[in-house]
Amino acid sequence: MMLFRLVLVLFGLLSSVVYAGNFELDFPGLSYHFVQISEPKLSPLRLDSGAIKVFNPGIGLGYDFRPLVISEGIYPLLKSGFFFDCGGYGFCYLLGQLRWKHQLLSNVYTDVSMGGGYLNRVGYDEQGLLARRSDFFPVGSVGIGTFLFDKYVQLNVTTYDPSALIFFYLTVSI
């Protein structure tokens, strides 16, 4: 919770010193595992018997430094959020990325983001026991978006462990 408060203060300071930028709300939704989880019953939010597809509810806040949400090019991006992982445990993250955005069609945009960040999650320790862990990790994502009800809405695919799983989440610019 302390990390989340720190992030809110950071976003507040950034919005007061930066002349332009866009806030984003992220809504995590689904993770897809490339292999079946060894104990599917330990995934309380699974959507299938093998826990290949798992529902991951949560919310995130982002700050995109581009002057307009549709500005093309490379700009920095900060993100922070919380969601429930595949085991039903809380997962907090703080990311710094560079986002490249490009217009595909008259009202359709795509982007690629690369960077890294800090995560706090439940994971297995050296003895094989569940414990709260904090790690630094690389992260990348791709997205495609358009305007819907006067808001820019984007579907994203991201991962911090490309050998194991991918996440799908929705971003709405506010």
Protein backbone atom coordinates (compact mmCIF):
# COMPACT_ATOMS: atom_id res chain seq x y z
CA MET A 1 0.00 0.00 0.00
CA MET A 2 2.95 2.30 0.70
CA LEU A 3 4.18 1.78 -2.87
CA PHE A 4 0.76 2.76 -4.24
CA ARG A 5 0.72 5.99 -2.16
CA LEU A 6 4.22 6.84 -3.36
CA VAL A 7 3.11 6.35 -6.96
CA LEU A 8 0.08 8.63 -6.49
CA VAL A 9 2.35 11.38 -5.12
CA LEU A 10 4.77 10.86 -8.02
CA PHE A 11 1.96 11.14 -10.59
CA GLY A 12 0.65 14.26 -8.86
CA LEU A 13 4.06 15.93 -8.99
CA LEU A 14 4.56 14.96 -12.63
CA SER A 15 1.20 16.35 -13.68
CA SER A 16 1.97 19.69 -12.03
CA VAL A 17 5.43 20.19 -13.61
CA VAL A 18 4.80 18.74 -17.07
CA TYR A 19 2.92 21.04 -19.45
CA ALA A 20 1.42 18.21 -21.47
CA GLY A 21 0.63 14.58 -20.96
CA ASN A 22 -2.15 12.07 -20.68
CA PHE A 23 -3.35 9.99 -17.77
CA GLU A 24 -4.42 6.43 -18.49
CA LEU A 25 -6.44 3.86 -16.60
CA ASP A 26 -5.43 0.24 -17.11
CA PHE A 27 -7.83 -2.64 -16.56
CA PRO A 28 -6.09 -6.03 -16.41
CA GLY A 29 -8.32 -8.83 -17.59
CA LEU A 30 -6.93 -12.11 -18.79
CA SER A 31 -3.71 -14.08 -18.64
CA TYR A 32 -2.95 -16.91 -21.00
CA HIS A 33 -0.43 -19.57 -19.90
CA PHE A 34 1.50 -21.48 -22.54
CA VAL A 35 1.57 -24.60 -20.35
CA GLN A 36 -0.95 -25.99 -17.92
CA ILE A 37 -0.42 -24.92 -14.31
CA SER A 38 0.75 -27.91 -12.25
CA GLU A 39 -2.01 -27.42 -9.65
CA PRO A 40 -4.97 -25.82 -11.46
CA LYS A 41 -7.09 -25.90 -8.31
CA LEU A 42 -4.67 -23.35 -6.81
CA SER A 43 -5.88 -20.81 -9.38
CA PRO A 44 -9.18 -19.60 -7.92
CA LEU A 45 -9.85 -17.24 -10.85
CA ARG A 46 -9.23 -19.81 -13.62
CA LEU A 47 -11.57 -19.84 -16.59
CA ASP A 48 -10.85 -23.42 -17.66
CA SER A 49 -10.02 -26.71 -15.94
CA GLY A 50 -6.27 -26.50 -16.66
CA ALA A 51 -5.90 -22.84 -15.62
CA ILE A 52 -4.53 -21.98 -19.07
CA LYS A 53 -6.83 -18.92 -19.12
CA VAL A 54 -7.14 -16.99 -15.85
CA PHE A 55 -9.13 -13.86 -14.98
CA ASN A 56 -6.91 -11.17 -13.39
CA PRO A 57 -9.00 -8.27 -12.04
CA GLY A 58 -7.25 -5.06 -11.05
CA ILE A 59 -6.60 -1.43 -11.92
CA GLY A 60 -3.61 0.63 -12.96
CA LEU A 61 -2.73 4.26 -13.51
CA GLY A 62 -0.39 5.50 -16.22
CA TYR A 63 1.09 8.81 -17.32
CA ASP A 64 2.05 9.18 -20.99
CA PHE A 65 4.27 12.21 -21.63
CA ARG A 66 3.18 12.79 -25.25
CA PRO A 67 1.40 16.14 -25.88
CA LEU A 68 -1.69 14.48 -27.38
CA VAL A 69 -2.89 10.93 -27.01
CA ILE A 70 -2.57 10.51 -30.79
CA SER A 71 0.93 12.06 -31.11
CA GLU A 72 3.18 9.73 -33.06
CA GLY A 73 6.76 8.99 -32.11
CA ILE A 74 8.63 7.85 -29.00
CA TYR A 75 7.72 9.21 -25.56
CA PRO A 76 8.28 8.10 -21.95
CA LEU A 77 5.52 6.33 -20.04
CA LEU A 78 5.07 5.61 -16.32
CA LYS A 79 2.65 2.98 -15.03
CA SER A 80 1.67 1.62 -11.66
CA GLY A 81 -1.07 -0.71 -10.57
CA PHE A 82 -2.43 -3.66 -8.71
CA PHE A 83 -4.12 -6.86 -9.86
CA PHE A 84 -4.75 -10.37 -8.62
CA ASP A 85 -2.35 -12.89 -10.13
CA CYS A 86 -3.22 -16.39 -11.25
CA GLY A 87 -3.01 -17.73 -7.70
CA GLY A 88 -5.38 -15.04 -6.41
CA TYR A 89 -2.57 -13.11 -4.69
CA GLY A 90 -2.01 -9.38 -4.93
CA PHE A 91 0.53 -8.20 -7.53
CA CYS A 92 1.77 -4.57 -7.48
CA TYR A 93 3.95 -3.01 -10.17
CA LEU A 94 5.73 0.23 -11.04
CA LEU A 95 7.02 0.57 -14.62
CA GLY A 96 9.07 3.00 -16.68
CA GLN A 97 8.86 2.50 -20.43
CA LEU A 98 9.40 4.11 -23.79
CA ARG A 99 6.32 3.96 -26.04
CA TRP A 100 6.46 4.24 -29.82
CA LYS A 101 3.07 5.08 -31.36
CA HIS A 102 2.16 4.97 -35.05
CA GLN A 103 -1.06 5.73 -36.94
CA LEU A 104 -2.18 2.72 -39.00
CA LEU A 105 -5.47 4.02 -40.40
CA SER A 106 -7.39 7.29 -40.07
CA ASN A 107 -8.58 6.46 -36.55
CA VAL A 108 -6.52 3.39 -35.61
CA TYR A 109 -3.16 3.51 -33.83
CA THR A 110 -0.66 0.90 -32.73
CA ASP A 111 2.19 1.11 -30.27
CA VAL A 112 5.10 -0.83 -28.86
CA SER A 113 6.38 -0.19 -25.34
CA MET A 114 9.65 -1.44 -23.85
CA GLY A 115 11.13 -0.85 -20.44
CA GLY A 116 11.33 -2.30 -17.00
CA GLY A 117 10.09 -1.95 -13.53
CA TYR A 118 9.60 -3.14 -10.02
CA LEU A 119 7.08 -5.74 -8.95
CA ASN A 120 5.89 -6.99 -5.60
CA ARG A 121 4.15 -10.34 -5.68
CA VAL A 122 3.77 -13.72 -4.04
CA GLY A 123 6.18 -16.30 -5.40
CA TYR A 124 8.18 -19.32 -4.37
CA ASP A 125 11.37 -18.78 -2.36
CA GLU A 126 14.55 -20.91 -2.37
CA GLN A 127 12.94 -23.52 -0.09
CA GLY A 128 9.90 -23.87 -2.37
CA LEU A 129 7.58 -22.01 0.02
CA LEU A 130 5.20 -19.22 -0.92
CA ALA A 131 6.54 -15.85 0.15
CA ARG A 132 6.12 -12.19 -0.79
CA ARG A 133 8.83 -11.23 -3.32
CA SER A 134 10.05 -7.98 -4.82
CA ASP A 135 11.89 -8.06 -8.14
CA PHE A 136 13.07 -5.81 -10.95
CA PHE A 137 12.08 -7.07 -14.38
CA PRO A 138 11.99 -6.17 -18.09
CA VAL A 139 8.58 -5.74 -19.68
CA GLY A 140 7.30 -5.17 -23.19
CA SER A 141 3.86 -4.68 -24.67
CA VAL A 142 2.07 -4.10 -27.96
CA GLY A 143 -1.30 -2.46 -28.38
CA ILE A 144 -3.88 -1.34 -30.88
CA GLY A 145 -6.40 1.39 -30.17
CA THR A 146 -9.05 3.79 -31.43
CA PHE A 147 -11.52 6.37 -30.13
CA LEU A 148 -14.68 5.07 -28.52
CA PHE A 149 -17.22 7.44 -26.92
CA ASP A 150 -14.70 10.32 -27.18
CA LYS A 151 -12.04 8.38 -25.22
CA TYR A 152 -8.96 6.68 -26.61
CA VAL A 153 -9.30 2.95 -25.85
CA GLN A 154 -6.54 0.45 -26.47
CA LEU A 155 -6.21 -3.33 -26.18
CA ASN A 156 -2.73 -4.37 -25.01
CA VAL A 157 -0.78 -7.61 -24.79
CA THR A 158 2.15 -7.66 -22.37
CA THR A 159 4.45 -10.04 -20.53
CA TYR A 160 7.19 -10.05 -17.96
CA ASP A 161 7.89 -13.77 -18.56
CA PRO A 162 7.54 -14.54 -22.29
CA SER A 163 8.29 -18.24 -21.81
CA ALA A 164 5.31 -18.74 -19.48
CA LEU A 165 2.44 -16.33 -20.06
CA ILE A 166 0.97 -13.22 -21.64
CA PHE A 167 -1.52 -10.72 -20.22
CA PHE A 168 -4.31 -8.88 -21.98
CA TYR A 169 -5.47 -5.55 -20.59
CA LEU A 170 -7.51 -2.53 -21.64
CA THR A 171 -6.22 1.07 -21.44
CA VAL A 172 -8.51 4.12 -21.43
CA SER A 173 -7.02 7.63 -21.70
CA ILE A 174 -8.65 10.06 -19.30
